[in-house]
């Protein structure tokens, strides 16, 4: 699968687009096949052409003639390494070479292509091509694009991302040229929604559609459904009203994956019956960085009959919680979801999350309890709060200091050393640090006094507790 502009930050529920199976990485001046020996690899690297400085007004024919000529792209044997296509008779005077070594996957991104060139030549050399990347070119006339597409009879994948197609008009007769395409990428083209609908109506077996970065804030419903579309990737737009999202359900009844991260979607407004009717086959949804801020919206995800995989990172609702709390609360709210934010939900993790959920709402007023709480109480019963155990090391202790007949109550820091404690005791017992020996007496211990003989040792290592005694004995000369 070729890829240029499909690799989007939030592409796919798994954050990778389902079409990201790259066979080649290339631009117009460089191509790196994905198989072959190191020597063959080096030969290709040495023979690639330098991209021309002036690419404006270049045709598709000129670019493939230049890029895939035997001098720039030597024929290599082996699966996927391309085929030799010799032009048929009748192309007298053609600017094409005697033969071109064209692979079935053409990567022509960023080549300055603005027009098709001779259609007969495209047909002669591209009959076997199945995937075509024309992203980041200068195509702004649908008629020129249709000339290219209509001349490639086996084309299944087409990437037109980042071509300046805003405000351009697609005529119905031109739209028919796209009828064999199954995966269509139109990211960052700013094409109108009417143009999108015209394309879907003329592509009877369209399976995947990419419409990222097109500034859509609303969409119009189509009277003609596209029953074959399984994946809609529409991240980084401006969709905020769920009513617009609901239109996807009626337009694409077989939709399996809906990826709409980075849209400021405020809430999910439809009820259970409407969601089940609009999205009967939806298994994956990506709502990362949307504006969802109510638990009711998360509960509504349970109304999608087949939903299994969910991505819900970066939403306002979850900001007050820790990472662990977010995952536990989400898992407990979504009992049918098997993958959350790209990770499998195991049976043991689900049980822990559901128990956490019950305890999280133990002190919540009855009228504010979520619906899910009651079903989990039925499953586990009412749980007692977990005992809170402070595992942090103690930093202070209240002790009695005994020196001959004198007794003083003193709060000492346990992170200080024995030498530092002696300095603290100087004014209490009226002895110099060199004149005192210290002993710790634990009243609950049967082992008797323990001398604090090592000046550099921290007090907490002696397990000093509240209520203990520090015995100060003057040294004898």
Protein backbone atom coordinates (compact mmCIF):
# COMPACT_ATOMS: atom_id res chain seq x y z
CA UNK A 1 0.00 0.00 0.00
CA UNK A 2 1.45 3.38 -0.95
CA UNK A 3 1.34 6.10 1.59
CA UNK A 4 2.28 9.73 1.65
CA UNK A 5 -0.27 11.89 3.38
CA UNK A 6 -2.28 9.09 4.98
CA UNK A 7 0.10 8.78 7.91
CA UNK A 8 -1.79 11.22 10.06
CA UNK A 9 -1.22 11.79 13.76
CA UNK A 10 -4.57 10.39 14.72
CA UNK A 11 -5.09 7.99 11.87
CA UNK A 12 -7.11 5.04 12.94
CA UNK A 13 -8.49 3.77 16.19
CA UNK A 14 -5.04 2.30 16.72
CA UNK A 15 -3.45 5.64 15.75
CA UNK A 16 -2.31 4.06 12.54
CA UNK A 17 -4.39 4.11 9.41
CA UNK A 18 -5.57 0.67 8.22
CA UNK A 19 -4.05 1.48 4.83
CA UNK A 20 -0.56 2.02 6.21
CA UNK A 21 1.11 -1.03 4.71
CA UNK A 22 3.84 0.67 2.79
CA UNK A 23 5.50 -1.14 -0.09
CA UNK A 24 7.66 1.82 -1.11
CA UNK A 25 8.81 5.13 0.29
CA UNK A 26 9.48 7.58 -2.46
CA UNK A 27 9.21 11.00 -3.96
CA UNK A 28 9.74 12.01 -7.56
CA UNK A 29 13.49 11.94 -7.29
CA UNK A 30 14.03 8.92 -5.09
CA UNK A 31 12.52 5.50 -4.68
CA UNK A 32 13.43 2.75 -2.27
CA UNK A 33 11.98 -0.66 -3.13
CA UNK A 34 11.11 -2.84 -0.15
CA UNK A 35 12.93 -6.02 -1.18
CA UNK A 36 16.23 -6.96 -2.80
CA UNK A 37 19.86 -7.34 -1.90
CA UNK A 38 22.08 -4.63 -0.46
CA UNK A 39 23.98 -4.45 -3.75
CA UNK A 40 20.76 -3.91 -5.70
CA UNK A 41 19.69 -1.32 -3.16
CA UNK A 42 22.95 0.57 -3.65
CA UNK A 43 22.57 0.41 -7.42
CA UNK A 44 19.14 2.02 -7.20
CA UNK A 45 20.42 4.71 -4.83
CA UNK A 46 23.24 5.61 -7.24
CA UNK A 47 21.01 5.71 -10.29
CA UNK A 48 18.08 7.79 -9.01
CA UNK A 49 17.60 11.07 -10.73
CA UNK A 50 17.83 14.46 -9.11
CA UNK A 51 14.44 16.18 -8.95
CA UNK A 52 14.14 19.12 -11.36
CA UNK A 53 13.99 22.57 -9.86
CA UNK A 54 11.03 23.76 -11.95
CA UNK A 55 8.11 21.38 -11.62
CA UNK A 56 5.20 23.70 -12.44
CA UNK A 57 2.95 22.57 -15.24
CA UNK A 58 4.39 19.06 -15.44
CA UNK A 59 2.21 16.26 -16.74
CA UNK A 60 1.68 12.81 -15.31
CA UNK A 61 3.13 11.37 -18.52
CA UNK A 62 6.31 13.43 -18.26
CA UNK A 63 6.87 12.45 -14.63
CA UNK A 64 6.51 8.69 -15.08
CA UNK A 65 8.63 8.89 -18.24
CA UNK A 66 11.39 10.59 -16.29
CA UNK A 67 11.17 8.72 -13.03
CA UNK A 68 10.69 5.16 -14.29
CA UNK A 69 12.98 5.17 -17.31
CA UNK A 70 15.56 2.34 -17.33
CA UNK A 71 18.30 4.87 -16.53
CA UNK A 72 16.62 6.07 -13.35
CA UNK A 73 14.72 2.96 -12.29
CA UNK A 74 16.52 -0.18 -13.51
CA UNK A 75 14.41 -3.28 -14.01
CA UNK A 76 14.74 -5.68 -11.08
CA UNK A 77 13.47 -9.19 -10.94
CA UNK A 78 11.48 -10.54 -8.03
CA UNK A 79 8.00 -10.20 -6.52
CA UNK A 80 6.77 -6.64 -6.38
CA UNK A 81 9.79 -5.25 -8.22
CA UNK A 82 7.81 -3.92 -11.15
CA UNK A 83 7.21 -4.99 -14.72
CA UNK A 84 8.59 -3.94 -18.06
CA UNK A 85 5.88 -2.32 -20.16
CA UNK A 86 6.64 -1.74 -23.83
CA UNK A 87 4.35 0.81 -25.54
CA UNK A 88 2.00 -0.63 -28.12
CA UNK A 89 2.15 0.22 -31.79
CA UNK A 90 0.39 3.39 -32.80
CA UNK A 91 2.17 5.74 -30.41
CA UNK A 92 4.47 7.11 -33.10
CA UNK A 93 6.29 10.26 -32.09
CA UNK A 94 5.62 9.63 -28.41
CA UNK A 95 7.95 11.37 -25.96
CA UNK A 96 7.93 8.16 -23.92
CA UNK A 97 10.98 5.95 -23.78
CA UNK A 98 11.02 2.67 -25.64
CA UNK A 99 10.13 1.01 -22.40
CA UNK A 100 9.50 1.94 -18.75
CA UNK A 101 10.03 -0.18 -15.66
CA UNK A 102 6.81 0.64 -13.83
CA UNK A 103 5.86 -1.14 -10.60
CA UNK A 104 2.18 -1.72 -9.86
CA UNK A 105 2.44 0.80 -7.03
CA UNK A 106 3.29 4.32 -8.21
CA UNK A 107 4.47 6.92 -5.71
CA UNK A 108 4.46 10.34 -7.39
CA UNK A 109 3.99 12.66 -4.44
CA UNK A 110 5.42 16.19 -4.64
CA UNK A 111 6.27 16.09 -8.34
CA UNK A 112 4.58 19.30 -9.47
CA UNK A 113 2.01 17.42 -11.57
CA UNK A 114 -0.82 19.68 -12.76
CA UNK A 115 -2.18 17.79 -15.78
CA UNK A 116 -2.54 14.32 -17.24
CA UNK A 117 -0.77 14.33 -20.58
CA UNK A 118 -1.63 11.91 -23.37
CA UNK A 119 -4.25 9.42 -22.13
CA UNK A 120 -3.26 6.77 -24.68
CA UNK A 121 0.26 6.75 -23.26
CA UNK A 122 -1.04 6.49 -19.69
CA UNK A 123 -3.20 3.54 -20.72
CA UNK A 124 -0.29 1.86 -22.49
CA UNK A 125 2.03 2.02 -19.52
CA UNK A 126 -0.30 1.88 -16.49
CA UNK A 127 -2.71 -0.97 -17.28
CA UNK A 128 -1.26 -3.03 -14.40
CA UNK A 129 -1.10 -0.20 -11.80
CA UNK A 130 -3.31 -0.76 -8.75
CA UNK A 131 -2.13 1.97 -6.35
CA UNK A 132 -1.31 5.60 -7.09
CA UNK A 133 -0.06 8.35 -4.78
CA UNK A 134 -0.49 11.83 -6.30
CA UNK A 135 -0.39 13.75 -3.02
CA UNK A 136 1.31 17.16 -2.68
CA UNK A 137 1.08 17.95 -6.38
CA UNK A 138 -0.56 20.90 -8.14
CA UNK A 139 -3.68 19.18 -9.47
CA UNK A 140 -6.59 21.61 -9.40
CA UNK A 141 -8.73 20.44 -12.31
CA UNK A 142 -10.93 17.39 -11.79
CA UNK A 143 -11.01 16.83 -15.54
CA UNK A 144 -7.24 16.29 -15.60
CA UNK A 145 -7.45 13.96 -12.61
CA UNK A 146 -10.23 11.97 -14.26
CA UNK A 147 -8.11 11.58 -17.41
CA UNK A 148 -5.39 9.92 -15.32
CA UNK A 149 -7.76 7.73 -13.31
CA UNK A 150 -9.89 6.62 -16.27
CA UNK A 151 -6.74 5.50 -18.09
CA UNK A 152 -5.70 3.14 -15.27
CA UNK A 153 -8.33 0.36 -15.43
CA UNK A 154 -7.18 -1.60 -12.36
CA UNK A 155 -6.69 1.32 -9.96
CA UNK A 156 -7.92 0.48 -6.43
CA UNK A 157 -6.12 3.02 -4.23
CA UNK A 158 -5.81 6.77 -4.95
CA UNK A 159 -4.21 9.44 -2.76
CA UNK A 160 -4.94 13.05 -3.80
CA UNK A 161 -4.07 14.65 -0.47
CA UNK A 162 -2.75 18.22 -0.35
CA UNK A 163 -3.67 19.11 -3.91
CA UNK A 164 -5.32 22.57 -4.25
CA UNK A 165 -8.87 21.39 -4.96
CA UNK A 166 -10.77 24.00 -2.92
CA UNK A 167 -13.53 25.62 -4.99
CA UNK A 168 -13.10 23.23 -7.92
CA UNK A 169 -16.15 21.63 -9.53
CA UNK A 170 -16.40 17.93 -10.26
CA UNK A 171 -18.76 17.18 -13.15
CA UNK A 172 -20.82 13.96 -12.94
CA UNK A 173 -19.23 12.55 -16.12
CA UNK A 174 -15.77 13.03 -14.57
CA UNK A 175 -16.86 11.40 -11.31
CA UNK A 176 -17.64 8.18 -13.20
CA UNK A 177 -13.90 7.74 -13.85
CA UNK A 178 -13.39 6.88 -10.13
CA UNK A 179 -15.81 3.95 -10.15
CA UNK A 180 -13.15 1.24 -9.60
CA UNK A 181 -11.41 2.92 -6.66
CA UNK A 182 -11.84 1.19 -3.30
CA UNK A 183 -9.69 3.40 -1.05
CA UNK A 184 -9.70 7.17 -1.57
CA UNK A 185 -7.58 9.70 0.33
CA UNK A 186 -8.60 13.37 0.13
CA UNK A 187 -6.86 14.83 3.19
CA UNK A 188 -6.14 18.57 3.22
CA UNK A 189 -7.78 19.23 -0.14
CA UNK A 190 -10.64 21.43 1.16
CA UNK A 191 -12.98 19.89 -1.38
CA UNK A 192 -16.65 20.60 -0.75
CA UNK A 193 -18.90 18.04 0.93
CA UNK A 194 -21.07 18.00 -2.21
CA UNK A 195 -18.02 16.84 -4.17
CA UNK A 196 -17.41 14.11 -1.60
CA UNK A 197 -21.01 12.92 -1.98
CA UNK A 198 -20.77 12.94 -5.77
CA UNK A 199 -17.66 10.75 -5.58
CA UNK A 200 -19.22 8.26 -3.14
CA UNK A 201 -22.29 7.97 -5.34
CA UNK A 202 -20.10 7.06 -8.32
CA UNK A 203 -17.82 4.58 -6.54
CA UNK A 204 -19.96 1.47 -6.02
CA UNK A 205 -17.35 -0.49 -4.03
CA UNK A 206 -15.69 2.27 -1.99
CA UNK A 207 -14.38 0.81 1.29
CA UNK A 208 -12.17 3.48 2.90
CA UNK A 209 -12.46 7.28 2.75
CA UNK A 210 -10.00 9.79 4.26
CA UNK A 211 -11.18 13.38 4.74
CA UNK A 212 -8.82 14.84 7.37
CA UNK A 213 -7.91 18.53 7.62
CA UNK A 214 -10.71 19.74 5.35
CA UNK A 215 -12.29 22.27 7.75
CA UNK A 216 -15.73 20.64 7.75
CA UNK A 217 -18.02 22.06 10.44
CA UNK A 218 -21.17 20.53 8.98
CA UNK A 219 -22.12 17.94 6.38
CA UNK A 220 -25.21 17.42 4.27
CA UNK A 221 -26.96 14.07 4.20
CA UNK A 222 -27.11 12.24 0.90
CA UNK A 223 -30.26 10.67 -0.48
CA UNK A 224 -28.07 7.93 -1.96
CA UNK A 225 -26.27 5.76 0.59
CA UNK A 226 -22.79 4.28 0.12
CA UNK A 227 -23.41 0.76 1.47
CA UNK A 228 -19.86 -0.55 1.06
CA UNK A 229 -17.90 2.05 3.08
CA UNK A 230 -16.30 0.45 6.13
CA UNK A 231 -13.82 3.11 7.30
CA UNK A 232 -14.33 6.88 7.53
CA UNK A 233 -11.29 8.87 8.66
CA UNK A 234 -12.33 12.48 9.31
CA UNK A 235 -9.93 13.76 11.98
CA UNK A 236 -8.82 17.38 12.42
CA UNK A 237 -12.02 19.02 11.22
CA UNK A 238 -14.47 21.28 13.09
CA UNK A 239 -17.39 18.95 13.76
CA UNK A 240 -18.89 19.82 17.15
CA UNK A 241 -22.56 18.85 16.83
CA UNK A 242 -23.46 15.15 17.10
CA UNK A 243 -26.30 15.76 14.63
CA UNK A 244 -23.64 16.06 11.91
CA UNK A 245 -22.01 12.79 12.99
CA UNK A 246 -25.38 11.05 12.93
CA UNK A 247 -25.61 11.76 9.19
CA UNK A 248 -22.64 9.44 8.63
CA UNK A 249 -24.76 6.58 9.91
CA UNK A 250 -27.48 7.03 7.30
CA UNK A 251 -24.97 7.68 4.49
CA UNK A 252 -22.66 4.77 5.37
CA UNK A 253 -24.81 1.98 6.89
CA UNK A 254 -21.98 -0.58 6.85
CA UNK A 255 -19.54 1.71 8.68
CA UNK A 256 -17.17 -0.40 10.78
CA UNK A 257 -14.60 2.21 11.85
CA UNK A 258 -15.19 5.91 12.55
CA UNK A 259 -12.07 7.95 13.29
CA UNK A 260 -12.84 11.54 14.22
CA UNK A 261 -10.14 12.62 16.65
CA UNK A 262 -9.40 16.33 17.03
CA UNK A 263 -12.97 17.46 16.40
CA UNK A 264 -14.52 19.56 19.13
CA UNK A 265 -17.49 17.25 19.55
CA UNK A 266 -19.43 18.53 22.57
CA UNK A 267 -21.71 15.59 23.39
CA UNK A 268 -23.50 12.49 22.07
CA UNK A 269 -27.12 13.57 21.86
CA UNK A 270 -29.01 10.62 20.36
CA UNK A 271 -30.81 8.03 22.46
CA UNK A 272 -30.27 4.28 22.49
CA UNK A 273 -32.74 3.43 19.71
CA UNK A 274 -31.39 6.05 17.31
CA UNK A 275 -27.74 5.13 17.88
CA UNK A 276 -28.49 1.43 17.36
CA UNK A 277 -30.35 2.23 14.13
CA UNK A 278 -27.75 4.65 12.72
CA UNK A 279 -24.63 2.64 13.56
CA UNK A 280 -25.61 -1.04 13.59
CA UNK A 281 -22.17 -2.27 12.45
CA UNK A 282 -19.76 0.16 14.12
CA UNK A 283 -16.99 -1.74 15.91
CA UNK A 284 -14.32 0.97 16.34
CA UNK A 285 -14.54 4.65 17.21
CA UNK A 286 -11.82 7.23 17.91
CA UNK A 287 -12.96 10.33 19.83
CA UNK A 288 -9.54 11.48 21.04
CA UNK A 289 -9.29 15.17 21.88
CA UNK A 290 -13.01 15.77 21.51
CA UNK A 291 -14.95 18.02 23.87
CA UNK A 292 -16.87 15.30 25.75
CA UNK A 293 -17.31 16.35 29.39
CA UNK A 294 -20.18 14.24 30.78
CA UNK A 295 -20.25 10.63 31.95
CA UNK A 296 -23.64 10.31 30.23
CA UNK A 297 -21.85 10.59 26.88
CA UNK A 298 -19.54 7.72 27.80
CA UNK A 299 -22.49 5.58 28.87
CA UNK A 300 -24.10 6.17 25.47
CA UNK A 301 -21.22 4.38 23.77
CA UNK A 302 -22.81 1.20 25.14
CA UNK A 303 -25.75 1.81 22.79
CA UNK A 304 -23.66 1.00 19.68
CA UNK A 305 -24.59 -2.70 19.27
CA UNK A 306 -21.21 -3.98 18.04
CA UNK A 307 -18.73 -1.50 19.50
CA UNK A 308 -15.51 -3.23 20.61
CA UNK A 309 -12.66 -0.71 20.36
CA UNK A 310 -12.68 2.84 21.74
CA UNK A 311 -10.15 5.65 21.95
CA UNK A 312 -11.03 8.45 24.36
CA UNK A 313 -7.86 10.26 25.32
CA UNK A 314 -7.55 14.00 25.86
CA UNK A 315 -11.22 14.71 26.68
CA UNK A 316 -12.17 17.33 29.32
CA UNK A 317 -14.18 14.82 31.36
CA UNK A 318 -11.07 12.85 32.31
CA UNK A 319 -8.71 15.71 33.12
CA UNK A 320 -9.28 15.69 36.95
CA UNK A 321 -8.33 12.00 37.25
CA UNK A 322 -5.00 10.20 37.35
CA UNK A 323 -4.03 7.94 34.46
CA UNK A 324 -4.96 4.80 36.42
CA UNK A 325 -8.29 6.28 37.56
CA UNK A 326 -9.19 7.23 33.98
CA UNK A 327 -8.65 3.74 32.67
CA UNK A 328 -10.49 2.07 35.56
CA UNK A 329 -13.52 4.34 35.28
CA UNK A 330 -13.68 3.96 31.49
CA UNK A 331 -13.39 0.16 31.55
CA UNK A 332 -16.09 -0.10 34.20
CA UNK A 333 -18.42 2.15 32.17
CA UNK A 334 -17.91 0.18 28.92
CA UNK A 335 -18.55 -3.51 29.67
CA UNK A 336 -18.52 -4.65 26.01
CA UNK A 337 -15.35 -2.84 24.94
CA UNK A 338 -12.40 -5.21 24.53
CA UNK A 339 -9.78 -2.60 23.53
CA UNK A 340 -9.42 0.78 25.21
CA UNK A 341 -6.96 3.37 23.89
CA UNK A 342 -5.07 0.69 21.99
CA UNK A 343 -4.69 -1.80 24.89
CA UNK A 344 -6.51 -5.08 25.40
CA UNK A 345 -8.83 -5.16 28.41
CA UNK A 346 -8.21 -8.44 30.25
CA UNK A 347 -10.79 -10.19 32.43
CA UNK A 348 -8.81 -9.53 35.61
CA UNK A 349 -8.33 -5.86 34.71
CA UNK A 350 -12.06 -5.51 34.11
CA UNK A 351 -12.91 -7.01 37.50
CA UNK A 352 -10.43 -4.72 39.26
CA UNK A 353 -11.83 -1.72 37.38
CA UNK A 354 -15.42 -2.58 38.23
CA UNK A 355 -14.59 -2.99 41.93
CA UNK A 356 -12.72 0.33 41.82
CA UNK A 357 -15.79 1.92 40.22
CA UNK A 358 -18.06 0.78 43.08
CA UNK A 359 -15.70 2.13 45.75
CA UNK A 360 -15.25 5.37 43.80
CA UNK A 361 -18.97 6.13 44.17
CA UNK A 362 -19.49 4.80 47.73
CA UNK A 363 -20.00 8.26 49.22
CA UNK A 364 -21.93 9.68 46.27
CA UNK A 365 -25.56 10.79 46.93
CA UNK A 366 -28.11 8.28 45.65
CA UNK A 367 -29.58 10.63 43.05
CA UNK A 368 -26.14 11.28 41.55
CA UNK A 369 -25.09 7.64 41.17
CA UNK A 370 -24.48 6.56 37.57
CA UNK A 371 -26.65 3.81 36.11
CA UNK A 372 -23.64 1.51 35.83
CA UNK A 373 -23.14 1.63 39.61
CA UNK A 374 -26.41 -0.21 40.30
CA UNK A 375 -25.66 -3.02 37.82
CA UNK A 376 -22.21 -3.52 39.38
CA UNK A 377 -23.70 -3.60 42.89
CA UNK A 378 -25.94 -6.42 41.65
CA UNK A 379 -22.82 -8.22 40.38
CA UNK A 380 -20.43 -7.71 43.34
CA UNK A 381 -22.59 -6.44 46.21
CA UNK A 382 -21.65 -3.40 48.27
CA UNK A 383 -17.91 -3.35 48.89
CA UNK A 384 -16.11 -1.99 51.91
CA UNK A 385 -13.62 0.83 51.37
CA UNK A 386 -10.04 -0.34 51.00
CA UNK A 387 -7.87 0.22 54.06
CA UNK A 388 -5.57 3.17 53.59
CA UNK A 389 -1.97 2.27 54.36
CA UNK A 390 0.60 5.02 54.42
CA UNK A 391 3.83 3.49 53.12
CA UNK A 392 5.78 6.71 53.29
CA UNK A 393 8.72 6.66 55.73
CA UNK A 394 8.10 8.47 59.02
CA UNK A 395 9.88 11.78 59.19
CA UNK A 396 9.46 12.70 62.89
CA UNK A 397 9.05 11.01 66.28
CA UNK A 398 8.06 12.24 69.75
CA UNK A 399 10.54 10.85 72.31
CA UNK A 400 11.59 11.29 75.95
CA UNK A 401 15.21 12.37 76.48
CA UNK A 402 16.71 11.09 79.75
CA UNK A 403 20.01 12.43 81.08
CA UNK A 404 20.79 11.56 84.69
CA UNK A 405 17.83 13.08 86.62
CA UNK A 406 16.59 15.26 83.78
CA UNK A 407 13.69 14.20 81.50
CA UNK A 408 12.57 16.24 78.47
CA UNK A 409 9.92 15.65 75.80
CA UNK A 410 11.44 16.25 72.36
CA UNK A 411 10.31 15.97 68.72
CA UNK A 412 13.20 14.76 66.58
CA UNK A 413 13.63 14.50 62.83
CA UNK A 414 14.27 10.93 61.70
CA UNK A 415 16.03 11.93 58.49
CA UNK A 416 18.91 13.48 60.44
CA UNK A 417 22.06 11.65 61.48
CA UNK A 418 23.19 10.67 64.99
CA UNK A 419 25.77 13.49 64.88
CA UNK A 420 23.03 16.02 64.04
CA UNK A 421 20.88 14.71 66.93
CA UNK A 422 23.79 15.22 69.33
CA UNK A 423 24.00 18.86 68.24
CA UNK A 424 20.26 19.21 68.91
CA UNK A 425 20.69 17.72 72.39
CA UNK A 426 23.59 20.01 73.44
CA UNK A 427 21.33 22.67 74.92
CA UNK A 428 18.98 20.08 76.45
CA UNK A 429 21.55 18.08 78.45
CA UNK A 430 24.28 20.73 78.73
CA UNK A 431 26.97 18.41 77.31
CA UNK A 432 29.27 18.77 74.32
CA UNK A 433 28.74 16.38 71.44
CA UNK A 434 32.05 14.67 72.21
CA UNK A 435 31.01 14.11 75.80
CA UNK A 436 27.80 12.15 75.25
CA UNK A 437 26.83 8.61 74.36
CA UNK A 438 23.30 7.97 73.07
CA UNK A 439 21.07 4.93 73.50
CA UNK A 440 17.59 4.29 72.09
CA UNK A 441 15.13 2.39 74.30
CA UNK A 442 12.04 0.85 72.67
CA UNK A 443 9.56 0.19 75.50
CA UNK A 444 7.88 -2.58 73.48
CA UNK A 445 11.14 -4.41 72.71
CA UNK A 446 12.70 -7.15 74.85
CA UNK A 447 16.22 -6.44 73.59
CA UNK A 448 17.11 -3.51 75.82
CA UNK A 449 18.84 -0.25 74.89
CA UNK A 450 20.57 0.08 71.49
CA UNK A 451 23.53 2.40 71.30
CA UNK A 452 23.47 5.02 68.57
CA UNK A 453 27.19 4.74 67.99
CA UNK A 454 27.57 5.63 64.32
CA UNK A 455 27.58 9.39 63.86
CA UNK A 456 26.80 9.30 60.12
CA UNK A 457 23.89 6.86 60.36
CA UNK A 458 20.35 8.22 59.86
CA UNK A 459 17.99 7.94 62.83
CA UNK A 460 15.19 6.25 60.84
CA UNK A 461 17.47 3.21 60.39
CA UNK A 462 17.14 2.57 64.14
CA UNK A 463 13.33 2.26 63.84
CA UNK A 464 12.70 5.03 66.36
CA UNK A 465 8.98 5.30 67.20
CA UNK A 466 6.74 7.75 69.04
CA UNK A 467 6.96 7.16 72.82
CA UNK A 468 10.51 5.81 72.69
CA UNK A 469 13.31 7.03 74.91
CA UNK A 470 16.70 8.55 74.12
CA UNK A 471 19.14 7.93 76.97
CA UNK A 472 22.09 10.34 77.13
CA UNK A 473 25.08 9.07 79.17
CA UNK A 474 28.03 11.35 79.86
CA UNK A 475 31.33 9.83 78.76
CA UNK A 476 33.77 9.03 81.58
CA UNK A 477 37.35 10.18 81.28
